Protein backbone atom coordinates (compact mmCIF):
# COMPACT_ATOMS: atom_id res chain seq x y z
CA MET A 1 138.12 142.64 160.60
CA THR A 2 134.32 143.25 160.40
CA GLU A 3 134.98 146.05 157.87
CA ASN A 4 136.95 143.67 155.64
CA LYS A 5 134.14 140.91 156.11
CA ASP A 6 131.58 143.49 155.00
CA LEU A 7 133.68 144.57 152.31
CA MET A 8 133.99 141.02 151.14
CA GLU A 9 130.29 140.40 151.82
CA GLN A 10 129.48 143.30 149.41
CA GLN A 11 131.73 141.94 146.63
CA ALA A 12 129.98 138.71 146.98
CA MET A 13 126.82 140.30 146.26
CA GLU A 14 127.85 142.25 143.53
CA LEU A 15 129.50 138.92 141.76
CA HIS A 16 126.13 137.47 142.32
CA GLN A 17 124.17 140.25 140.58
CA GLN A 18 126.82 139.88 137.60
CA LEU A 19 126.20 136.22 137.57
CA GLN A 20 122.53 137.02 137.01
CA VAL A 21 122.84 139.38 134.56
CA VAL A 22 125.09 136.97 132.53
CA GLU A 23 122.59 134.11 132.97
CA LYS A 24 120.22 136.49 131.47
CA GLN A 25 122.26 137.15 128.52
CA ILE A 26 122.87 133.62 127.89
CA GLN A 27 119.03 132.91 128.14
CA ASP A 28 118.61 135.83 125.26
CA LEU A 29 120.92 134.66 123.40
CA ASP A 30 119.33 130.93 123.54
CA LYS A 31 116.19 132.71 122.83
CA ALA A 32 117.43 134.54 119.77
CA LYS A 33 118.82 131.27 118.29
CA GLU A 34 115.60 129.59 118.86
CA ASP A 35 113.55 132.50 117.01
CA ILE A 36 115.74 132.46 114.02
CA GLN A 37 115.46 128.78 113.85
CA GLU A 38 111.62 129.38 114.01
CA ILE A 39 111.58 132.11 111.60
CA SER A 40 113.25 130.42 108.77
CA LYS A 41 110.43 128.38 108.62
CA GLU A 42 108.05 131.44 108.09
CA LYS A 43 109.26 132.44 104.68
CA ASP A 44 106.39 134.39 102.67
CA LYS A 45 104.08 134.58 105.67
CA GLN A 46 102.95 137.60 107.39
CA ILE A 47 104.55 138.43 110.75
CA LEU A 48 104.19 141.29 113.29
CA VAL A 49 107.50 143.61 113.41
CA PRO A 50 107.63 145.51 116.55
CA ILE A 51 107.76 149.34 116.22
CA HIS A 52 108.08 150.58 119.91
CA ASN A 53 106.81 149.06 123.06
CA GLY A 54 103.48 147.58 122.33
CA ILE A 55 103.48 148.74 118.87
CA PHE A 56 103.56 146.40 115.92
CA ILE A 57 103.13 146.60 111.94
CA LYS A 58 102.25 143.61 109.88
CA ALA A 59 105.09 142.90 107.28
CA LYS A 60 105.42 139.64 104.88
CA LEU A 61 108.78 138.01 105.41
CA GLU A 62 110.38 137.66 102.08
CA ASP A 63 113.72 136.40 103.20
CA ALA A 64 114.32 134.24 106.19
CA GLU A 65 117.86 132.95 105.10
CA ASN A 66 119.65 136.37 105.70
CA PHE A 67 119.95 138.52 108.56
CA LEU A 68 121.43 142.08 109.03
CA VAL A 69 123.39 142.02 111.94
CA ASN A 70 125.03 144.96 113.90
CA VAL A 71 128.57 144.55 114.22
CA GLY A 72 129.40 148.00 115.96
CA SER A 73 129.83 151.38 115.28
CA ASP A 74 126.38 151.43 113.65
CA VAL A 75 127.72 149.32 111.01
CA SER A 76 125.41 146.38 110.04
CA VAL A 77 126.21 143.52 107.48
CA ILE A 78 124.14 140.72 106.18
CA LYS A 79 124.76 137.37 107.22
CA THR A 80 123.34 134.07 106.41
CA ARG A 81 121.12 132.08 108.90
CA LYS A 82 124.00 129.59 109.64
CA ASP A 83 126.40 132.59 109.96
CA THR A 84 124.05 134.47 112.51
CA GLU A 85 123.34 131.07 114.42
CA ASP A 86 127.30 130.46 114.76
CA LEU A 87 127.88 134.23 115.75
CA LEU A 88 125.09 133.54 118.40
CA GLU A 89 126.71 130.42 119.53
CA MET A 90 130.42 131.99 119.95
CA GLN A 91 128.65 134.60 122.15
CA ARG A 92 127.20 132.15 123.99
CA GLU A 93 130.54 130.44 124.77
CA GLU A 94 132.23 133.73 125.68
CA LEU A 95 129.66 134.33 128.01
CA SER A 96 129.52 130.74 129.37
CA LYS A 97 133.38 131.00 130.09
CA TYR A 98 132.83 134.48 131.86
CA LYS A 99 130.03 132.86 133.91
CA GLN A 100 132.64 130.21 135.01
CA GLN A 101 134.99 132.71 136.01
CA LEU A 102 132.62 134.64 138.17
CA ILE A 103 131.35 131.47 139.70
CA GLU A 104 134.97 130.69 140.82
CA LEU A 105 135.50 134.33 141.96
CA PHE A 106 132.32 133.91 144.04
CA GLU A 107 133.09 130.43 145.67
CA GLY A 108 136.92 131.91 146.41
CA LEU A 109 135.20 134.76 148.17
CA ALA A 110 132.53 132.66 149.80
CA LYS A 111 135.19 130.53 151.52
CA LYS A 112 137.21 133.70 152.40
CA ILE A 113 134.15 134.95 154.39
CA GLN A 114 133.52 131.84 155.89
CA ASN A 115 137.06 131.71 157.38
CA VAL A 116 137.09 135.17 158.68
């Protein structure tokens, strides 16, 4: 019985860690969407572009309405600001659904642990 409880507690810890990762990903998507909205106000302004950790180059933002979006397999496509925001929102919704599934699994496992 103790081994079973230990296994369930380990699974609960892993679910909790997955939840934290998903929450961080949701926060990152929210930040990206905010950044896109802010950068669209910066057309023709000088910006800093990260090159490497702590290394930046100054650049002039010429087009703040179109974004190069990686769609996988080293393929990128140009998307409008609205399409890019919609993509981020769709990803956020998918992650939110997954987060809810993890919460339900975690709660079910917690109940099982209490009953052991």
